Amino acid sequence: MTSRPATLVKICGLRTQDTIEAAIAAGADMLGFVFFPKSPRHLGYDVARRLRESVRGRAEVVALTVDADDATLDAILESARPDMLQLHGRETPDRVAHIRQRTGLPVMKAVGVSTAQDVAAARAYLAVADRLLFDAKAPPDARHPGGNGLAFDWTLLAGLDLPKPFMLSGGLDPGNVAEALSITRAPGVDVSSGVERSPGEKDPDRIAAFVAAVRTGAPRGEGPDKATEQDHRPRPERG
């Protein structure tokens, strides 16, 4: 009997050396650098360059962009030298294919989910993306497409069989990620606001608790973050 591969863990929106060290020490596989000025997690190119040097050989760097043009992508590649690009905007399959070919990097396409139709529509990216990320669909008045602390109905992904790997995001935290994985069997998870003290400020203890909950399959945390039977349903935005 073969064992199930370990679940990949991505901590997104890291902005400081101490939280990068916390994520690596906890055992995160991927570190997300956000390049989107409207986000409280946005990185400038100089900061990205400095942080990238400290990560070399210890974890993969994923650069998150939102409908970035080619010039912006060039600047991101020069400063962050990412291992993967995460496209979190309204990029079409043609645009995804263009970016992948132009940069020579693997691409993860984020897809907002609120209904089964959204999951089905994601298949349009299977031929052009290396990985999909299923995130909660942002509300109409949201300032940014991800990191809103919202979950979607995880049962929409139950039994999902895709020819490409995927990650689960949206409203995950140390208290509910084990339940999310038990429902979706996702091969990877991506967290941002669920390991923060406030928008854009990561908490090293919550990062460690999140990764531990993924690795052990047990819920972590107390109070409002403790897993309950309702955790897989949409929740109000944090902060």
C-alpha atoms as a PDB file:
ATOM      1  CA  MET A   1       0.000   0.000   0.000  1.00  0.00           C
ATOM      2  CA  THR A   2       1.438   3.390  -0.992  1.00  0.00           C
ATOM      3  CA  SER A   3       1.195   6.333   1.347  1.00  0.00           C
ATOM      4  CA  ARG A   4      -0.424   9.576   0.276  1.00  0.00           C
ATOM      5  CA  PRO A   5       2.117  12.255  -0.661  1.00  0.00           C
ATOM      6  CA  ALA A   6       2.662  14.931   1.956  1.00  0.00           C
ATOM      7  CA  THR A   7       0.406  17.951   1.571  1.00  0.00           C
ATOM      8  CA  LEU A   8       2.198  21.000   0.213  1.00  0.00           C
ATOM      9  CA  VAL A   9       1.947  24.089   2.409  1.00  0.00           C
ATOM     10  CA  LYS A  10       2.242  27.634   1.072  1.00  0.00           C
ATOM     11  CA  ILE A  11       2.384  30.637   3.385  1.00  0.00           C
ATOM     12  CA  CYS A  12       1.450  33.671   1.323  1.00  0.00           C
ATOM     13  CA  GLY A  13       1.967  37.375   1.868  1.00  0.00           C
ATOM     14  CA  LEU A  14       5.253  37.197   3.777  1.00  0.00           C
ATOM     15  CA  ARG A  15       6.944  40.586   4.137  1.00  0.00           C
ATOM     16  CA  THR A  16       9.603  40.316   6.848  1.00  0.00           C
ATOM     17  CA  GLN A  17      12.685  38.249   7.550  1.00  0.00           C
ATOM     18  CA  ASP A  18      11.404  36.932  10.883  1.00  0.00           C
ATOM     19  CA  THR A  19       8.162  35.602   9.420  1.00  0.00           C
ATOM     20  CA  ILE A  20      10.044  34.019   6.527  1.00  0.00           C
ATOM     21  CA  GLU A  21      12.272  32.277   9.054  1.00  0.00           C
ATOM     22  CA  ALA A  22       9.188  31.185  11.004  1.00  0.00           C
ATOM     23  CA  ALA A  23       7.587  29.721   7.882  1.00  0.00           C
ATOM     24  CA  ILE A  24      10.729  27.827   6.904  1.00  0.00           C
ATOM     25  CA  ALA A  25      11.287  26.576  10.462  1.00  0.00           C
ATOM     26  CA  ALA A  26       7.692  25.335  10.586  1.00  0.00           C
ATOM     27  CA  GLY A  27       8.238  23.325   7.403  1.00  0.00           C
ATOM     28  CA  ALA A  28       6.428  25.368   4.753  1.00  0.00           C
ATOM     29  CA  ASP A  29       7.183  24.254   1.204  1.00  0.00           C
ATOM     30  CA  MET A  30       6.314  27.494  -0.588  1.00  0.00           C
ATOM     31  CA  LEU A  31       6.587  31.139   0.404  1.00  0.00           C
ATOM     32  CA  GLY A  32       4.349  33.663  -1.316  1.00  0.00           C
ATOM     33  CA  PHE A  33       5.496  37.181  -2.212  1.00  0.00           C
ATOM     34  CA  VAL A  34       2.617  39.486  -3.164  1.00  0.00           C
ATOM     35  CA  PHE A  35       3.067  42.090  -5.904  1.00  0.00           C
ATOM     36  CA  PHE A  36      -0.226  43.967  -5.860  1.00  0.00           C
ATOM     37  CA  PRO A  37      -0.180  47.579  -4.586  1.00  0.00           C
ATOM     38  CA  LYS A  38      -3.739  47.467  -3.229  1.00  0.00           C
ATOM     39  CA  SER A  39      -2.865  44.618  -0.862  1.00  0.00           C
ATOM     40  CA  PRO A  40      -1.516  45.177   2.677  1.00  0.00           C
ATOM     41  CA  ARG A  41       0.891  42.340   1.828  1.00  0.00           C
ATOM     42  CA  HIS A  42       2.418  44.076  -1.195  1.00  0.00           C
ATOM     43  CA  LEU A  43       6.211  43.923  -1.537  1.00  0.00           C
ATOM     44  CA  GLY A  44       8.414  46.505  -3.166  1.00  0.00           C
ATOM     45  CA  TYR A  45      11.056  45.212  -5.534  1.00  0.00           C
ATOM     46  CA  ASP A  46      13.999  46.113  -3.298  1.00  0.00           C
ATOM     47  CA  VAL A  47      12.492  44.307  -0.320  1.00  0.00           C
ATOM     48  CA  ALA A  48      11.651  41.309  -2.488  1.00  0.00           C
ATOM     49  CA  ARG A  49      15.230  41.140  -3.732  1.00  0.00           C
ATOM     50  CA  ARG A  50      16.621  41.151  -0.187  1.00  0.00           C
ATOM     51  CA  LEU A  51      14.169  38.594   1.149  1.00  0.00           C
ATOM     52  CA  ARG A  52      14.688  36.323  -1.833  1.00  0.00           C
ATOM     53  CA  GLU A  53      18.397  36.028  -1.052  1.00  0.00           C
ATOM     54  CA  SER A  54      17.606  34.628   2.391  1.00  0.00           C
ATOM     55  CA  VAL A  55      15.305  31.950   0.996  1.00  0.00           C
ATOM     56  CA  ARG A  56      17.622  30.493  -1.609  1.00  0.00           C
ATOM     57  CA  GLY A  57      17.689  26.697  -1.450  1.00  0.00           C
ATOM     58  CA  ARG A  58      15.368  26.477   1.564  1.00  0.00           C
ATOM     59  CA  ALA A  59      11.884  26.832   0.064  1.00  0.00           C
ATOM     60  CA  GLU A  60      10.188  27.714  -3.206  1.00  0.00           C
ATOM     61  CA  VAL A  61       9.243  31.330  -3.828  1.00  0.00           C
ATOM     62  CA  VAL A  62       5.900  31.995  -5.496  1.00  0.00           C
ATOM     63  CA  ALA A  63       5.249  35.495  -6.849  1.00  0.00           C
ATOM     64  CA  LEU A  64       1.573  36.483  -6.736  1.00  0.00           C
ATOM     65  CA  THR A  65       0.371  38.971  -9.327  1.00  0.00           C
ATOM     66  CA  VAL A  66      -3.016  40.342 -10.356  1.00  0.00           C
ATOM     67  CA  ASP A  67      -3.513  41.063 -14.056  1.00  0.00           C
ATOM     68  CA  ALA A  68       0.112  42.198 -14.347  1.00  0.00           C
ATOM     69  CA  ASP A  69       1.415  43.439 -17.686  1.00  0.00           C
ATOM     70  CA  ASP A  70       4.645  42.154 -19.220  1.00  0.00           C
ATOM     71  CA  ALA A  71       6.753  45.029 -17.897  1.00  0.00           C
ATOM     72  CA  THR A  72       5.575  44.372 -14.350  1.00  0.00           C
ATOM     73  CA  LEU A  73       6.273  40.677 -14.718  1.00  0.00           C
ATOM     74  CA  ASP A  74       9.786  41.459 -15.934  1.00  0.00           C
ATOM     75  CA  ALA A  75      10.424  43.587 -12.844  1.00  0.00           C
ATOM     76  CA  ILE A  76       9.098  40.857 -10.570  1.00  0.00           C
ATOM     77  CA  LEU A  77      11.281  38.235 -12.200  1.00  0.00           C
ATOM     78  CA  GLU A  78      14.358  40.437 -11.912  1.00  0.00           C
ATOM     79  CA  SER A  79      13.834  41.244  -8.225  1.00  0.00           C
ATOM     80  CA  ALA A  80      12.236  38.137  -6.738  1.00  0.00           C
ATOM     81  CA  ARG A  81      13.528  35.453  -9.120  1.00  0.00           C
ATOM     82  CA  PRO A  82      10.511  33.285  -8.259  1.00  0.00           C
ATOM     83  CA  ASP A  83      10.238  29.560  -8.777  1.00  0.00           C
ATOM     84  CA  MET A  84       6.584  29.917  -9.783  1.00  0.00           C
ATOM     85  CA  LEU A  85       4.093  32.622 -10.729  1.00  0.00           C
ATOM     86  CA  GLN A  86       0.636  32.756  -9.159  1.00  0.00           C
ATOM     87  CA  LEU A  87      -1.898  34.588 -11.318  1.00  0.00           C
ATOM     88  CA  HIS A  88      -4.696  35.820  -9.100  1.00  0.00           C
ATOM     89  CA  GLY A  89      -6.605  38.130 -11.412  1.00  0.00           C
ATOM     90  CA  ARG A  90      -8.901  37.706 -14.394  1.00  0.00           C
ATOM     91  CA  GLU A  91      -6.206  36.308 -16.677  1.00  0.00           C
ATOM     92  CA  THR A  92      -7.690  34.359 -19.581  1.00  0.00           C
ATOM     93  CA  PRO A  93      -6.323  30.966 -20.641  1.00  0.00           C
ATOM     94  CA  ASP A  94      -4.574  32.699 -23.557  1.00  0.00           C
ATOM     95  CA  ARG A  95      -2.915  35.173 -21.201  1.00  0.00           C
ATOM     96  CA  VAL A  96      -1.822  32.363 -18.874  1.00  0.00           C
ATOM     97  CA  ALA A  97      -0.293  30.499 -21.805  1.00  0.00           C
ATOM     98  CA  HIS A  98       1.508  33.660 -22.950  1.00  0.00           C
ATOM     99  CA  ILE A  99       2.956  34.315 -19.488  1.00  0.00           C
ATOM    100  CA  ARG A 100       4.098  30.748 -19.082  1.00  0.00           C
ATOM    101  CA  GLN A 101       5.832  30.749 -22.456  1.00  0.00           C
ATOM    102  CA  ARG A 102       7.340  34.212 -22.075  1.00  0.00           C
ATOM    103  CA  THR A 103       8.759  33.716 -18.580  1.00  0.00           C
ATOM    104  CA  GLY A 104       9.636  30.037 -18.778  1.00  0.00           C
ATOM    105  CA  LEU A 105       8.243  29.568 -15.275  1.00  0.00           C
ATOM    106  CA  PRO A 106       5.536  27.221 -14.037  1.00  0.00           C
ATOM    107  CA  VAL A 107       2.240  29.004 -13.433  1.00  0.00           C
ATOM    108  CA  MET A 108      -0.463  28.508 -10.826  1.00  0.00           C
ATOM    109  CA  LYS A 109      -3.831  30.006 -11.776  1.00  0.00           C
ATOM    110  CA  ALA A 110      -6.165  31.050  -8.980  1.00  0.00           C
ATOM    111  CA  VAL A 111      -9.878  30.509  -9.530  1.00  0.00           C
ATOM    112  CA  GLY A 112     -12.566  32.080  -7.355  1.00  0.00           C
ATOM    113  CA  VAL A 113     -15.197  29.601  -6.201  1.00  0.00           C
ATOM    114  CA  SER A 114     -18.702  30.004  -4.868  1.00  0.00           C
ATOM    115  CA  THR A 115     -20.612  27.402  -6.933  1.00  0.00           C
ATOM    116  CA  ALA A 116     -20.042  24.091  -8.681  1.00  0.00           C
ATOM    117  CA  GLN A 117     -20.054  25.997 -11.974  1.00  0.00           C
ATOM    118  CA  ASP A 118     -16.942  27.884 -10.861  1.00  0.00           C
ATOM    119  CA  VAL A 119     -15.125  24.602 -10.235  1.00  0.00           C
ATOM    120  CA  ALA A 120     -16.160  23.302 -13.637  1.00  0.00           C
ATOM    121  CA  ALA A 121     -15.049  26.527 -15.341  1.00  0.00           C
ATOM    122  CA  ALA A 122     -11.553  26.096 -13.905  1.00  0.00           C
ATOM    123  CA  ARG A 123     -10.972  23.225 -16.310  1.00  0.00           C
ATOM    124  CA  ALA A 124     -10.410  25.789 -19.056  1.00  0.00           C
ATOM    125  CA  TYR A 125      -6.987  26.417 -17.489  1.00  0.00           C
ATOM    126  CA  LEU A 126      -5.836  22.821 -17.287  1.00  0.00           C
ATOM    127  CA  ALA A 127      -4.090  22.941 -20.668  1.00  0.00           C
ATOM    128  CA  VAL A 128      -2.121  26.110 -19.870  1.00  0.00           C
ATOM    129  CA  ALA A 129      -1.460  26.150 -16.099  1.00  0.00           C
ATOM    130  CA  ASP A 130       0.801  23.854 -14.130  1.00  0.00           C
ATOM    131  CA  ARG A 131      -1.358  24.040 -11.018  1.00  0.00           C
ATOM    132  CA  LEU A 132      -4.756  25.424 -10.009  1.00  0.00           C
ATOM    133  CA  LEU A 133      -5.612  27.202  -6.794  1.00  0.00           C
ATOM    134  CA  PHE A 134      -9.231  27.188  -5.633  1.00  0.00           C
ATOM    135  CA  ASP A 135      -9.953  30.269  -3.518  1.00  0.00           C
ATOM    136  CA  ALA A 136     -13.144  31.792  -2.184  1.00  0.00           C
ATOM    137  CA  LYS A 137     -14.643  34.165  -4.718  1.00  0.00           C
ATOM    138  CA  ALA A 138     -14.105  37.724  -3.527  1.00  0.00           C
ATOM    139  CA  PRO A 139     -17.228  39.782  -2.807  1.00  0.00           C
ATOM    140  CA  PRO A 140     -18.055  42.533  -5.332  1.00  0.00           C
ATOM    141  CA  ASP A 141     -16.790  45.304  -3.020  1.00  0.00           C
ATOM    142  CA  ALA A 142     -13.484  43.613  -2.112  1.00  0.00           C
ATOM    143  CA  ARG A 143     -10.313  45.650  -2.702  1.00  0.00           C
ATOM    144  CA  HIS A 144      -8.300  42.581  -3.645  1.00  0.00           C
ATOM    145  CA  PRO A 145      -9.142  39.134  -5.043  1.00  0.00           C
ATOM    146  CA  GLY A 146      -7.534  37.052  -2.288  1.00  0.00           C
ATOM    147  CA  GLY A 147      -6.533  37.206   1.362  1.00  0.00           C
ATOM    148  CA  ASN A 148     -10.042  38.230   2.408  1.00  0.00           C
ATOM    149  CA  GLY A 149     -10.392  35.579   5.120  1.00  0.00           C
ATOM    150  CA  LEU A 150     -13.412  33.995   3.415  1.00  0.00           C
ATOM    151  CA  ALA A 151     -14.059  30.291   2.942  1.00  0.00           C
ATOM    152  CA  PHE A 152     -16.253  28.563   0.381  1.00  0.00           C
ATOM    153  CA  ASP A 153     -18.170  25.299   0.610  1.00  0.00           C
ATOM    154  CA  TRP A 154     -15.343  22.756   0.596  1.00  0.00           C
ATOM    155  CA  THR A 155     -17.677  19.953  -0.386  1.00  0.00           C
ATOM    156  CA  LEU A 156     -17.623  21.435  -3.907  1.00  0.00           C
ATOM    157  CA  LEU A 157     -14.142  19.920  -4.233  1.00  0.00           C
ATOM    158  CA  ALA A 158     -14.931  16.556  -2.651  1.00  0.00           C
ATOM    159  CA  GLY A 159     -13.943  13.779  -5.045  1.00  0.00           C
ATOM    160  CA  LEU A 160     -12.418  16.227  -7.526  1.00  0.00           C
ATOM    161  CA  ASP A 161     -10.215  14.395 -10.025  1.00  0.00           C
ATOM    162  CA  LEU A 162      -7.934  16.599 -12.122  1.00  0.00           C
ATOM    163  CA  PRO A 163      -4.952  15.811 -14.346  1.00  0.00           C
ATOM    164  CA  LYS A 164      -3.067  18.710 -12.729  1.00  0.00           C
ATOM    165  CA  PRO A 165      -2.343  19.303  -9.021  1.00  0.00           C
ATOM    166  CA  PHE A 166      -4.360  21.891  -7.134  1.00  0.00           C
ATOM    167  CA  MET A 167      -4.222  23.853  -3.900  1.00  0.00           C
ATOM    168  CA  LEU A 168      -6.985  24.983  -1.560  1.00  0.00           C
ATOM    169  CA  SER A 169      -7.173  28.522  -0.189  1.00  0.00           C
ATOM    170  CA  GLY A 170      -9.668  30.899   1.347  1.00  0.00           C
ATOM    171  CA  GLY A 171     -10.534  31.196   5.036  1.00  0.00           C
ATOM    172  CA  LEU A 172      -8.092  28.526   6.179  1.00  0.00           C
ATOM    173  CA  ASP A 173      -6.516  28.774   9.626  1.00  0.00           C
ATOM    174  CA  PRO A 174      -4.898  26.469  12.202  1.00  0.00           C
ATOM    175  CA  GLY A 175      -8.283  25.451  13.575  1.00  0.00           C
ATOM    176  CA  ASN A 176     -10.014  24.365  10.365  1.00  0.00           C
ATOM    177  CA  VAL A 177      -7.359  23.271   7.870  1.00  0.00           C
ATOM    178  CA  ALA A 178      -7.458  19.631   9.011  1.00  0.00           C
ATOM    179  CA  GLU A 179     -11.205  19.512   8.348  1.00  0.00           C
ATOM    180  CA  ALA A 180     -10.730  21.215   4.987  1.00  0.00           C
ATOM    181  CA  LEU A 181      -8.214  18.572   3.968  1.00  0.00           C
ATOM    182  CA  SER A 182     -10.390  15.718   5.173  1.00  0.00           C
ATOM    183  CA  ILE A 183     -13.208  16.974   2.936  1.00  0.00           C
ATOM    184  CA  THR A 184     -11.277  17.994  -0.168  1.00  0.00           C
ATOM    185  CA  ARG A 185      -8.195  15.739  -0.066  1.00  0.00           C
ATOM    186  CA  ALA A 186      -6.385  18.702  -1.604  1.00  0.00           C
ATOM    187  CA  PRO A 187      -2.725  17.985  -2.377  1.00  0.00           C
ATOM    188  CA  GLY A 188      -1.784  21.484  -1.193  1.00  0.00           C
ATOM    189  CA  VAL A 189      -3.050  24.379   0.936  1.00  0.00           C
ATOM    190  CA  ASP A 190      -2.348  28.111   0.784  1.00  0.00           C
ATOM    191  CA  VAL A 191      -2.892  30.454   3.736  1.00  0.00           C
ATOM    192  CA  SER A 192      -2.498  34.179   4.244  1.00  0.00           C
ATOM    193  CA  SER A 193      -4.930  36.019   6.530  1.00  0.00           C
ATOM    194  CA  GLY A 194      -5.485  32.890   8.631  1.00  0.00           C
ATOM    195  CA  VAL A 195      -1.984  33.194  10.099  1.00  0.00           C
ATOM    196  CA  GLU A 196      -2.037  36.945  10.730  1.00  0.00           C
ATOM    197  CA  ARG A 197      -2.471  39.183  13.771  1.00  0.00           C
ATOM    198  CA  SER A 198      -3.845  41.915  11.527  1.00  0.00           C
ATOM    199  CA  PRO A 199      -4.003  42.411   7.743  1.00  0.00           C
ATOM    200  CA  GLY A 200      -0.471  42.026   6.417  1.00  0.00           C
ATOM    201  CA  GLU A 201       1.126  41.184   9.790  1.00  0.00           C
ATOM    202  CA  LYS A 202       1.971  37.503  10.049  1.00  0.00           C
ATOM    203  CA  ASP A 203       2.073  35.721  13.431  1.00  0.00           C
ATOM    204  CA  PRO A 204       4.952  33.190  13.735  1.00  0.00           C
ATOM    205  CA  ASP A 205       3.033  31.132  16.301  1.00  0.00           C
ATOM    206  CA  ARG A 206       0.009  30.837  14.028  1.00  0.00           C
ATOM    207  CA  ILE A 207       2.250  29.894  11.109  1.00  0.00           C
ATOM    208  CA  ALA A 208       3.755  27.068  13.172  1.00  0.00           C
ATOM    209  CA  ALA A 209       0.307  25.946  14.346  1.00  0.00           C
ATOM    210  CA  PHE A 210      -1.035  25.945  10.799  1.00  0.00           C
ATOM    211  CA  VAL A 211       1.762  23.807   9.378  1.00  0.00           C
ATOM    212  CA  ALA A 212       1.531  21.438  12.352  1.00  0.00           C
ATOM    213  CA  ALA A 213      -2.212  21.031  11.824  1.00  0.00           C
ATOM    214  CA  VAL A 214      -1.613  20.142   8.167  1.00  0.00           C
ATOM    215  CA  ARG A 215       1.123  17.647   8.995  1.00  0.00           C
ATOM    216  CA  THR A 216      -0.722  15.922  11.839  1.00  0.00           C
ATOM    217  CA  GLY A 217      -4.238  16.189  10.461  1.00  0.00           C
ATOM    218  CA  ALA A 218      -5.450  17.634  13.759  1.00  0.00           C
ATOM    219  CA  PRO A 219      -7.139  20.989  14.339  1.00  0.00           C
ATOM    220  CA  ARG A 220      -5.091  23.586  16.206  1.00  0.00           C
ATOM    221  CA  GLY A 221      -6.069  26.752  18.016  1.00  0.00           C
ATOM    222  CA  GLU A 222      -8.725  27.892  20.424  1.00  0.00           C
ATOM    223  CA  GLY A 223     -11.629  30.263  20.573  1.00  0.00           C
ATOM    224  CA  PRO A 224     -12.951  31.589  17.250  1.00  0.00           C
ATOM    225  CA  ASP A 225     -10.365  29.667  15.229  1.00  0.00           C
ATOM    226  CA  LYS A 226     -11.190  26.263  16.692  1.00  0.00           C
ATOM    227  CA  ALA A 227     -12.617  23.918  14.062  1.00  0.00           C
ATOM    228  CA  THR A 228     -16.355  23.372  14.095  1.00  0.00           C
ATOM    229  CA  GLU A 229     -18.809  21.672  11.825  1.00  0.00           C
ATOM    230  CA  GLN A 230     -19.585  25.049  10.249  1.00  0.00           C
ATOM    231  CA  ASP A 231     -16.005  25.993   9.348  1.00  0.00           C
ATOM    232  CA  HIS A 232     -16.342  24.961   5.727  1.00  0.00           C
ATOM    233  CA  ARG A 233     -19.061  27.488   5.096  1.00  0.00           C
ATOM    234  CA  PRO A 234     -18.397  31.101   4.041  1.00  0.00           C
ATOM    235  CA  ARG A 235     -17.475  33.447   6.869  1.00  0.00           C
ATOM    236  CA  PRO A 236     -17.346  37.227   7.195  1.00  0.00           C
ATOM    237  CA  GLU A 237     -14.132  38.987   6.242  1.00  0.00           C
ATOM    238  CA  ARG A 238     -11.660  39.445   9.053  1.00  0.00           C
ATOM    239  CA  GLY A 239     -10.219  42.644  10.387  1.00  0.00           C
END
